[in-house]
Amino acid sequence: MPRIFHAGRMLGLLLHGTSVVIDERADEGIRAHLTVRAGECETLAVVAGEDEPLVVPPIEDIDARIDTSDAAWREWTANIRYDGPYRSLLIRNARALKFLLYSPSGAIAAAATTSLPERIGGNKGTDLSIDSQAKLNAVARRLNERPRKTLAYETPAERFQQTIASIG
């Protein structure tokens, strides 16, 4: 059974399965607990909105969307071609960066690594003067040869060449 709560002007609805036990229910929130064992699954979903009607999908639809998302992330992860000793760390960090991508353009929505030191105790930022021109060219080539959704899945390099060709 869905549980309704308010937080200021925010209206929320907690959807859950049968193994969730509601311990405390107040207008400001809900406290609950559940126990799951290996191989079991339970879905908890909060549907919320501020000053608008709530669209409340059935919990089965939420489960299906979670399964679809999980399958997509597993498929994406399977395409990472690195089998070194730090694979799990690399995958976790690659996922974190992918979460920050703005899908229509492929741009990173937030500067995830800005101001981080290059090494522990190191300075902020990156000194590109220590990299060879060949390495910088290779990075630029990889960035410009990746298809972009906003360019109808053409690469920036292809679109640039088309623009130059159309100028005359």
N, C-alpha and C. Protein backbone atom coordinates (compact mmCIF):
# COMPACT_ATOMS: atom_id res chain seq x y z
N MET A 1 0.83 -1.18 0.00
CA MET A 1 0.00 0.00 0.00
C MET A 1 0.88 1.25 0.00
N PRO A 2 0.62 2.21 -0.90
CA PRO A 2 1.42 3.43 -0.95
C PRO A 2 1.27 4.25 0.33
N ARG A 3 2.33 4.92 0.73
CA ARG A 3 2.33 5.78 1.91
C ARG A 3 2.61 7.20 1.47
N ILE A 4 1.74 8.13 1.87
CA ILE A 4 1.87 9.53 1.46
C ILE A 4 2.55 10.32 2.57
N PHE A 5 3.41 11.27 2.18
CA PHE A 5 4.03 12.18 3.14
C PHE A 5 4.24 13.54 2.49
N HIS A 6 4.42 14.56 3.32
CA HIS A 6 4.69 15.92 2.86
C HIS A 6 6.03 16.39 3.42
N ALA A 7 6.70 17.22 2.68
CA ALA A 7 7.89 17.92 3.15
C ALA A 7 7.79 19.33 2.57
N GLY A 8 7.28 20.26 3.35
CA GLY A 8 7.02 21.60 2.83
C GLY A 8 5.94 21.52 1.77
N ARG A 9 6.23 22.06 0.58
CA ARG A 9 5.26 22.01 -0.53
C ARG A 9 5.42 20.74 -1.35
N MET A 10 6.34 19.89 -0.96
CA MET A 10 6.60 18.65 -1.69
C MET A 10 5.65 17.55 -1.19
N LEU A 11 4.99 16.91 -2.11
CA LEU A 11 4.14 15.77 -1.80
C LEU A 11 4.87 14.52 -2.26
N GLY A 12 4.97 13.55 -1.39
CA GLY A 12 5.68 12.33 -1.74
C GLY A 12 4.83 11.10 -1.50
N LEU A 13 5.17 10.06 -2.21
CA LEU A 13 4.45 8.80 -2.09
C LEU A 13 5.50 7.69 -2.10
N LEU A 14 5.48 6.86 -1.07
CA LEU A 14 6.40 5.72 -0.98
C LEU A 14 5.67 4.49 -1.47
N LEU A 15 6.23 3.88 -2.51
CA LEU A 15 5.71 2.62 -3.03
C LEU A 15 6.66 1.52 -2.59
N HIS A 16 6.12 0.38 -2.21
CA HIS A 16 6.98 -0.70 -1.74
C HIS A 16 6.27 -2.04 -1.84
N GLY A 17 7.07 -3.08 -1.75
CA GLY A 17 6.55 -4.44 -1.76
C GLY A 17 6.13 -4.89 -0.37
N THR A 18 5.82 -6.15 -0.27
CA THR A 18 5.24 -6.69 0.96
C THR A 18 6.23 -6.89 2.10
N SER A 19 7.53 -6.93 1.82
CA SER A 19 8.48 -7.19 2.90
C SER A 19 8.91 -5.92 3.64
N VAL A 20 8.41 -4.77 3.23
CA VAL A 20 8.74 -3.51 3.90
C VAL A 20 7.80 -3.34 5.09
N VAL A 21 8.39 -3.04 6.24
CA VAL A 21 7.61 -2.82 7.47
C VAL A 21 7.71 -1.33 7.82
N ILE A 22 6.58 -0.66 7.88
CA ILE A 22 6.55 0.76 8.24
C ILE A 22 6.62 0.86 9.75
N ASP A 23 7.68 1.51 10.26
CA ASP A 23 7.86 1.68 11.70
C ASP A 23 7.20 2.95 12.21
N GLU A 24 7.29 4.01 11.42
CA GLU A 24 6.78 5.29 11.86
C GLU A 24 6.29 6.05 10.64
N ARG A 25 5.12 6.61 10.75
CA ARG A 25 4.56 7.36 9.64
C ARG A 25 4.07 8.70 10.17
N ALA A 26 4.59 9.77 9.60
CA ALA A 26 4.17 11.12 9.97
C ALA A 26 4.07 11.92 8.68
N ASP A 27 3.48 13.09 8.76
CA ASP A 27 3.33 13.91 7.57
C ASP A 27 4.69 14.32 7.00
N GLU A 28 5.71 14.43 7.86
CA GLU A 28 7.03 14.86 7.41
C GLU A 28 7.87 13.73 6.82
N GLY A 29 7.47 12.51 7.00
CA GLY A 29 8.26 11.42 6.46
C GLY A 29 7.83 10.07 7.00
N ILE A 30 8.54 9.07 6.55
CA ILE A 30 8.23 7.68 6.90
C ILE A 30 9.52 6.99 7.30
N ARG A 31 9.47 6.19 8.37
CA ARG A 31 10.60 5.37 8.76
C ARG A 31 10.16 3.91 8.58
N ALA A 32 11.01 3.14 7.90
CA ALA A 32 10.65 1.75 7.61
C ALA A 32 11.90 0.89 7.65
N HIS A 33 11.71 -0.41 7.65
CA HIS A 33 12.83 -1.33 7.54
C HIS A 33 12.39 -2.54 6.74
N LEU A 34 13.38 -3.26 6.23
CA LEU A 34 13.11 -4.50 5.52
C LEU A 34 14.33 -5.39 5.63
N THR A 35 14.10 -6.66 5.43
CA THR A 35 15.18 -7.64 5.43
C THR A 35 15.11 -8.40 4.11
N VAL A 36 16.23 -8.44 3.42
CA VAL A 36 16.32 -9.24 2.20
C VAL A 36 17.49 -10.20 2.35
N ARG A 37 17.32 -11.37 1.81
CA ARG A 37 18.37 -12.38 1.85
C ARG A 37 18.99 -12.52 0.47
N ALA A 38 20.09 -13.19 0.39
CA ALA A 38 20.76 -13.42 -0.88
C ALA A 38 19.78 -13.96 -1.90
N GLY A 39 19.76 -13.36 -3.06
CA GLY A 39 18.88 -13.81 -4.13
C GLY A 39 17.50 -13.16 -4.11
N GLU A 40 17.15 -12.47 -3.03
CA GLU A 40 15.86 -11.80 -2.95
C GLU A 40 15.98 -10.37 -3.46
N CYS A 41 14.86 -9.81 -3.82
CA CYS A 41 14.83 -8.45 -4.34
C CYS A 41 13.59 -7.74 -3.79
N GLU A 42 13.74 -6.49 -3.48
CA GLU A 42 12.61 -5.68 -3.01
C GLU A 42 12.75 -4.30 -3.62
N THR A 43 11.66 -3.75 -4.06
CA THR A 43 11.67 -2.42 -4.66
C THR A 43 11.04 -1.42 -3.72
N LEU A 44 11.75 -0.30 -3.55
CA LEU A 44 11.24 0.86 -2.83
C LEU A 44 11.31 2.02 -3.81
N ALA A 45 10.26 2.77 -3.92
CA ALA A 45 10.28 3.91 -4.84
C ALA A 45 9.61 5.10 -4.17
N VAL A 46 10.21 6.25 -4.34
CA VAL A 46 9.60 7.50 -3.88
C VAL A 46 9.21 8.28 -5.12
N VAL A 47 7.94 8.58 -5.22
CA VAL A 47 7.42 9.43 -6.29
C VAL A 47 7.09 10.75 -5.62
N ALA A 48 7.63 11.84 -6.14
CA ALA A 48 7.44 13.13 -5.48
C ALA A 48 7.25 14.24 -6.50
N GLY A 49 6.59 15.28 -6.06
CA GLY A 49 6.40 16.45 -6.90
C GLY A 49 6.07 17.65 -6.03
N GLU A 50 6.40 18.82 -6.54
CA GLU A 50 6.12 20.06 -5.81
C GLU A 50 5.08 20.84 -6.59
N ASP A 51 3.95 21.08 -5.95
CA ASP A 51 2.86 21.88 -6.55
C ASP A 51 2.40 21.31 -7.89
N GLU A 52 2.35 20.00 -7.99
CA GLU A 52 1.89 19.38 -9.23
C GLU A 52 1.29 18.01 -8.91
N PRO A 53 0.41 17.53 -9.77
CA PRO A 53 -0.15 16.19 -9.53
C PRO A 53 0.94 15.13 -9.65
N LEU A 54 0.82 14.09 -8.84
CA LEU A 54 1.78 12.99 -8.90
C LEU A 54 1.36 12.00 -9.97
N VAL A 55 2.32 11.60 -10.76
CA VAL A 55 2.11 10.51 -11.71
C VAL A 55 2.67 9.27 -11.03
N VAL A 56 1.82 8.32 -10.72
CA VAL A 56 2.22 7.17 -9.93
C VAL A 56 2.14 5.90 -10.77
N PRO A 57 3.28 5.44 -11.27
CA PRO A 57 3.27 4.20 -12.04
C PRO A 57 3.12 3.00 -11.11
N PRO A 58 2.59 1.90 -11.62
CA PRO A 58 2.55 0.68 -10.80
C PRO A 58 3.97 0.23 -10.45
N ILE A 59 4.13 -0.37 -9.29
CA ILE A 59 5.47 -0.79 -8.85
C ILE A 59 6.07 -1.79 -9.84
N GLU A 60 5.23 -2.56 -10.53
CA GLU A 60 5.73 -3.50 -11.53
C GLU A 60 6.41 -2.75 -12.69
N ASP A 61 5.86 -1.59 -13.06
CA ASP A 61 6.49 -0.78 -14.11
C ASP A 61 7.82 -0.22 -13.65
N ILE A 62 7.88 0.18 -12.39
CA ILE A 62 9.14 0.68 -11.83
C ILE A 62 10.17 -0.44 -11.83
N ASP A 63 9.77 -1.64 -11.41
CA ASP A 63 10.67 -2.81 -11.44
C ASP A 63 11.20 -3.04 -12.85
N ALA A 64 10.31 -2.98 -13.84
CA ALA A 64 10.72 -3.22 -15.22
C ALA A 64 11.72 -2.17 -15.69
N ARG A 65 11.51 -0.91 -15.32
CA ARG A 65 12.43 0.15 -15.71
C ARG A 65 13.79 -0.03 -15.05
N ILE A 66 13.79 -0.47 -13.80
CA ILE A 66 15.05 -0.74 -13.10
C ILE A 66 15.79 -1.88 -13.80
N ASP A 67 15.05 -2.94 -14.16
CA ASP A 67 15.67 -4.07 -14.86
C ASP A 67 16.25 -3.63 -16.21
N THR A 68 15.53 -2.78 -16.94
CA THR A 68 16.02 -2.28 -18.23
C THR A 68 17.30 -1.46 -18.03
N SER A 69 17.30 -0.59 -17.02
CA SER A 69 18.47 0.22 -16.74
C SER A 69 19.66 -0.66 -16.34
N ASP A 70 19.41 -1.65 -15.48
CA ASP A 70 20.47 -2.56 -15.04
C ASP A 70 21.07 -3.30 -16.24
N ALA A 71 20.22 -3.78 -17.13
CA ALA A 71 20.71 -4.50 -18.31
C ALA A 71 21.55 -3.58 -19.19
N ALA A 72 21.12 -2.33 -19.36
CA ALA A 72 21.87 -1.38 -20.19
C ALA A 72 23.24 -1.09 -19.59
N TRP A 73 23.29 -0.90 -18.26
CA TRP A 73 24.57 -0.63 -17.61
C TRP A 73 25.49 -1.85 -17.67
N ARG A 74 24.95 -3.04 -17.53
CA ARG A 74 25.78 -4.26 -17.63
C ARG A 74 26.33 -4.42 -19.04
N GLU A 75 25.50 -4.13 -20.04
CA GLU A 75 25.97 -4.22 -21.43
C GLU A 75 27.06 -3.19 -21.69
N TRP A 76 26.86 -1.97 -21.22
CA TRP A 76 27.86 -0.91 -21.41
C TRP A 76 29.17 -1.32 -20.74
N THR A 77 29.07 -1.84 -19.52
CA THR A 77 30.25 -2.26 -18.77
C THR A 77 30.98 -3.40 -19.47
N ALA A 78 30.24 -4.31 -20.05
CA ALA A 78 30.86 -5.45 -20.74
C ALA A 78 31.72 -5.02 -21.92
N ASN A 79 31.45 -3.82 -22.45
CA ASN A 79 32.22 -3.32 -23.60
C ASN A 79 33.51 -2.62 -23.20
N ILE A 80 33.77 -2.49 -21.91
CA ILE A 80 35.02 -1.88 -21.47
C ILE A 80 36.13 -2.90 -21.65
N ARG A 81 37.11 -2.56 -22.46
CA ARG A 81 38.18 -3.49 -22.79
C ARG A 81 39.42 -3.24 -21.94
N TYR A 82 39.29 -3.58 -20.69
CA TYR A 82 40.44 -3.50 -19.78
C TYR A 82 40.31 -4.67 -18.82
N ASP A 83 41.33 -5.49 -18.75
CA ASP A 83 41.30 -6.66 -17.87
C ASP A 83 42.44 -6.64 -16.86
N GLY A 84 42.90 -5.45 -16.52
CA GLY A 84 44.01 -5.32 -15.59
C GLY A 84 43.58 -5.51 -14.15
N PRO A 85 44.52 -5.31 -13.24
CA PRO A 85 44.27 -5.59 -11.83
C PRO A 85 43.27 -4.63 -11.17
N TYR A 86 43.00 -3.48 -11.79
CA TYR A 86 42.12 -2.49 -11.18
C TYR A 86 40.81 -2.36 -11.95
N ARG A 87 40.38 -3.43 -12.61
CA ARG A 87 39.17 -3.38 -13.44
C ARG A 87 37.96 -2.88 -12.66
N SER A 88 37.73 -3.38 -11.46
CA SER A 88 36.52 -2.98 -10.72
C SER A 88 36.56 -1.48 -10.39
N LEU A 89 37.74 -0.96 -10.06
CA LEU A 89 37.86 0.47 -9.79
C LEU A 89 37.65 1.28 -11.06
N LEU A 90 38.24 0.82 -12.16
CA LEU A 90 38.09 1.52 -13.42
C LEU A 90 36.62 1.56 -13.83
N ILE A 91 35.92 0.45 -13.70
CA ILE A 91 34.51 0.40 -14.08
C ILE A 91 33.69 1.33 -13.20
N ARG A 92 33.94 1.32 -11.90
CA ARG A 92 33.19 2.19 -11.00
C ARG A 92 33.40 3.66 -11.37
N ASN A 93 34.62 4.04 -11.66
CA ASN A 93 34.90 5.42 -12.02
C ASN A 93 34.37 5.77 -13.41
N ALA A 94 34.44 4.84 -14.33
CA ALA A 94 33.89 5.08 -15.67
C ALA A 94 32.38 5.28 -15.58
N ARG A 95 31.71 4.49 -14.76
CA ARG A 95 30.27 4.67 -14.57
C ARG A 95 29.97 6.03 -13.96
N ALA A 96 30.74 6.43 -12.97
CA ALA A 96 30.52 7.73 -12.34
C ALA A 96 30.62 8.85 -13.37
N LEU A 97 31.61 8.78 -14.25
CA LEU A 97 31.75 9.80 -15.29
C LEU A 97 30.61 9.72 -16.29
N LYS A 98 30.20 8.51 -16.65
CA LYS A 98 29.10 8.36 -17.60
C LYS A 98 27.81 8.92 -17.03
N PHE A 99 27.61 8.80 -15.71
CA PHE A 99 26.42 9.38 -15.08
C PHE A 99 26.37 10.89 -15.31
N LEU A 100 27.51 11.51 -15.49
CA LEU A 100 27.58 12.96 -15.65
C LEU A 100 27.39 13.41 -17.10
N LEU A 101 27.28 12.47 -18.03
CA LEU A 101 27.13 12.85 -19.43
C LEU A 101 25.73 13.37 -19.71
N TYR A 102 25.66 14.42 -20.48
CA TYR A 102 24.40 14.96 -20.96
C TYR A 102 24.12 14.27 -22.30
N SER A 103 23.14 13.39 -22.34
CA SER A 103 22.93 12.52 -23.48
C SER A 103 22.80 13.21 -24.83
N PRO A 104 22.04 14.31 -24.95
CA PRO A 104 21.90 14.89 -26.29
C PRO A 104 23.21 15.32 -26.93
N SER A 105 24.15 15.83 -26.14
CA SER A 105 25.39 16.33 -26.75
C SER A 105 26.61 15.48 -26.44
N GLY A 106 26.54 14.65 -25.41
CA GLY A 106 27.71 13.90 -24.99
C GLY A 106 28.64 14.70 -24.11
N ALA A 107 28.25 15.94 -23.80
CA ALA A 107 29.08 16.78 -22.94
C ALA A 107 28.98 16.32 -21.49
N ILE A 108 30.04 16.51 -20.74
CA ILE A 108 29.99 16.19 -19.33
C ILE A 108 29.25 17.32 -18.63
N ALA A 109 28.20 16.96 -17.88
CA ALA A 109 27.33 17.95 -17.24
C ALA A 109 28.02 18.67 -16.10
N ALA A 110 28.99 18.07 -15.50
CA ALA A 110 29.72 18.69 -14.40
C ALA A 110 31.18 18.32 -14.55
N ALA A 111 32.03 19.19 -14.10
CA ALA A 111 33.46 18.92 -14.17
C ALA A 111 33.84 18.00 -13.02
N ALA A 112 33.79 16.72 -13.28
CA ALA A 112 33.96 15.73 -12.22
C ALA A 112 35.36 15.73 -11.61
N THR A 113 36.33 16.12 -12.37
CA THR A 113 37.69 16.04 -11.85
C THR A 113 38.36 17.40 -11.73
N THR A 114 37.61 18.45 -11.86
CA THR A 114 38.23 19.77 -11.78
C THR A 114 38.84 19.99 -10.41
N SER A 115 39.98 20.55 -10.39
CA SER A 115 40.69 20.92 -9.16
C SER A 115 41.18 19.74 -8.34
N LEU A 116 41.06 18.54 -8.84
CA LEU A 116 41.62 17.40 -8.13
C LEU A 116 43.12 17.35 -8.40
N PRO A 117 43.91 16.99 -7.44
CA PRO A 117 45.35 16.88 -7.70
C PRO A 117 45.62 15.72 -8.64
N GLU A 118 46.65 15.86 -9.43
CA GLU A 118 47.03 14.80 -10.34
C GLU A 118 47.59 13.60 -9.58
N ARG A 119 48.10 13.85 -8.41
CA ARG A 119 48.61 12.78 -7.54
C ARG A 119 48.43 13.25 -6.11
N ILE A 120 48.46 12.35 -5.16
CA ILE A 120 48.30 12.72 -3.77
C ILE A 120 49.40 13.70 -3.38
N GLY A 121 48.99 14.83 -2.83
CA GLY A 121 49.94 15.86 -2.46
C GLY A 121 50.37 16.73 -3.62
N GLY A 122 49.82 16.46 -4.81
CA GLY A 122 50.22 17.21 -6.00
C GLY A 122 49.43 18.48 -6.17
N ASN A 123 49.76 19.21 -7.21
CA ASN A 123 49.09 20.46 -7.51
C ASN A 123 47.79 20.20 -8.24
N LYS A 124 46.91 21.21 -8.21
CA LYS A 124 45.65 21.12 -8.94
C LYS A 124 45.90 21.33 -10.43
N GLY A 125 44.96 20.80 -11.23
CA GLY A 125 45.02 21.05 -12.65
C GLY A 125 45.99 20.13 -13.38
N THR A 126 46.08 20.37 -14.68
CA THR A 126 46.93 19.57 -15.55
C THR A 126 47.88 20.46 -16.32
N ASP A 127 49.13 20.13 -16.32
CA ASP A 127 50.13 20.85 -17.09
C ASP A 127 50.33 20.12 -18.41
N LEU A 128 49.69 20.62 -19.46
CA LEU A 128 49.75 19.95 -20.76
C LEU A 128 51.09 20.14 -21.46
N SER A 129 51.92 21.04 -20.94
CA SER A 129 53.21 21.28 -21.59
C SER A 129 54.14 20.08 -21.46
N ILE A 130 53.87 19.18 -20.53
CA ILE A 130 54.74 18.02 -20.37
C ILE A 130 54.37 16.89 -21.33
N ASP A 131 53.20 17.01 -21.99
CA ASP A 131 52.78 15.99 -22.95
C ASP A 131 53.30 16.33 -24.34
N SER A 132 53.61 15.31 -25.09
CA SER A 132 54.10 15.55 -26.45
C SER A 132 52.95 16.02 -27.34
N GLN A 133 53.28 16.68 -28.41
CA GLN A 133 52.27 17.13 -29.36
C GLN A 133 51.55 15.92 -29.96
N ALA A 134 52.29 14.85 -30.17
CA ALA A 134 51.67 13.63 -30.72
C ALA A 134 50.59 13.09 -29.78
N LYS A 135 50.86 13.11 -28.48
CA LYS A 135 49.87 12.63 -27.52
C LYS A 135 48.65 13.55 -27.49
N LEU A 136 48.87 14.86 -27.50
CA LEU A 136 47.76 15.80 -27.51
C LEU A 136 46.93 15.65 -28.79
N ASN A 137 47.60 15.44 -29.92
CA ASN A 137 46.89 15.22 -31.18
C ASN A 137 46.05 13.95 -31.13
N ALA A 138 46.59 12.91 -30.50
CA ALA A 138 45.85 11.64 -30.38
C ALA A 138 44.59 11.83 -29.54
N VAL A 139 44.69 12.59 -28.45
CA VAL A 139 43.52 12.86 -27.61
C VAL A 139 42.48 13.64 -28.40
N ALA A 140 42.92 14.69 -29.10
CA ALA A 140 42.00 15.50 -29.90
C ALA A 140 41.33 14.65 -30.98
N ARG A 141 42.11 13.77 -31.61
CA ARG A 141 41.56 12.90 -32.65
C ARG A 141 40.47 11.99 -32.09
N ARG A 142 40.74 11.40 -30.92
CA ARG A 142 39.73 10.51 -30.30
C ARG A 142 38.46 11.27 -29.96
N LEU A 143 38.61 12.49 -29.46
CA LEU A 143 37.42 13.29 -29.13
C LEU A 143 36.64 13.68 -30.38
N ASN A 144 37.34 14.04 -31.44
CA ASN A 144 36.68 14.51 -32.66
C ASN A 144 36.19 13.40 -33.57
N GLU A 145 36.59 12.17 -33.30
CA GLU A 145 36.17 11.05 -34.14
C GLU A 145 35.07 10.22 -33.48
N ARG A 146 34.53 10.73 -32.37
CA ARG A 146 33.45 10.02 -31.68
C ARG A 146 32.11 10.58 -32.14
N PRO A 147 31.21 9.74 -32.65
CA PRO A 147 29.90 10.23 -33.11
C PRO A 147 29.13 10.90 -31.96
N ARG A 148 28.38 11.94 -32.30
CA ARG A 148 27.58 12.67 -31.33
C ARG A 148 26.11 12.62 -31.72
N LYS A 149 25.26 12.39 -30.74
CA LYS A 149 23.82 12.34 -30.99
C LYS A 149 23.33 13.66 -31.59
N THR A 150 23.83 14.79 -31.06
CA THR A 150 23.40 16.10 -31.54
C THR A 150 23.84 16.39 -32.96
N LEU A 151 24.75 15.60 -33.46
CA LEU A 151 25.20 15.75 -34.85
C LEU A 151 24.66 14.62 -35.72
N ALA A 152 23.51 14.09 -35.35
CA ALA A 152 22.88 12.97 -36.08
C ALA A 152 23.86 11.80 -36.19
N TYR A 153 24.61 11.57 -35.12
CA TYR A 153 25.58 10.49 -35.00
C TYR A 153 26.74 10.61 -35.99
N GLU A 154 26.97 11.82 -36.45
CA GLU A 154 28.20 12.10 -37.18
C GLU A 154 29.24 12.53 -36.16
N THR A 155 30.48 12.52 -36.58
CA THR A 155 31.54 12.98 -35.68
C THR A 155 31.74 14.48 -35.87
N PRO A 156 32.30 15.16 -34.87
CA PRO A 156 32.62 16.58 -35.06
C PRO A 156 33.54 16.80 -36.26
N ALA A 157 34.47 15.88 -36.48
CA ALA A 157 35.38 16.01 -37.62
C ALA A 157 34.61 15.96 -38.93
N GLU A 158 33.66 15.03 -39.04
CA GLU A 158 32.86 14.93 -40.27
C GLU A 158 32.03 16.20 -40.48
N ARG A 159 31.40 16.68 -39.41
CA ARG A 159 30.58 17.88 -39.52
C ARG A 159 31.44 19.09 -39.88
N PHE A 160 32.64 19.17 -39.32
CA PHE A 160 33.55 20.27 -39.65
C PHE A 160 33.91 20.23 -41.14
N GLN A 161 34.24 19.04 -41.64
CA GLN A 161 34.60 18.89 -43.06
C GLN A 161 33.43 19.29 -43.96
N GLN A 162 32.20 18.91 -43.58
CA GLN A 162 31.02 19.28 -44.35
C GLN A 162 30.82 20.79 -44.37
N THR A 163 31.04 21.40 -43.20
CA THR A 163 30.86 22.86 -43.10
C THR A 163 31.89 23.57 -43.98
N ILE A 164 33.13 23.14 -43.92
CA ILE A 164 34.20 23.75 -44.75
C ILE A 164 33.87 23.55 -46.23
N ALA A 165 33.42 22.36 -46.60
CA ALA A 165 33.09 22.06 -48.00
C ALA A 165 31.92 22.92 -48.50
N SER A 166 30.97 23.19 -47.61
CA SER A 166 29.80 23.98 -48.04
C SER A 166 30.13 25.46 -48.19
N ILE A 167 31.21 25.90 -47.55
CA ILE A 167 31.61 27.32 -47.65
C ILE A 167 32.19 27.61 -49.03
N GLY A 168 32.81 26.63 -49.60
CA GLY A 168 33.28 26.85 -50.95
C GLY A 168 34.68 26.53 -51.12
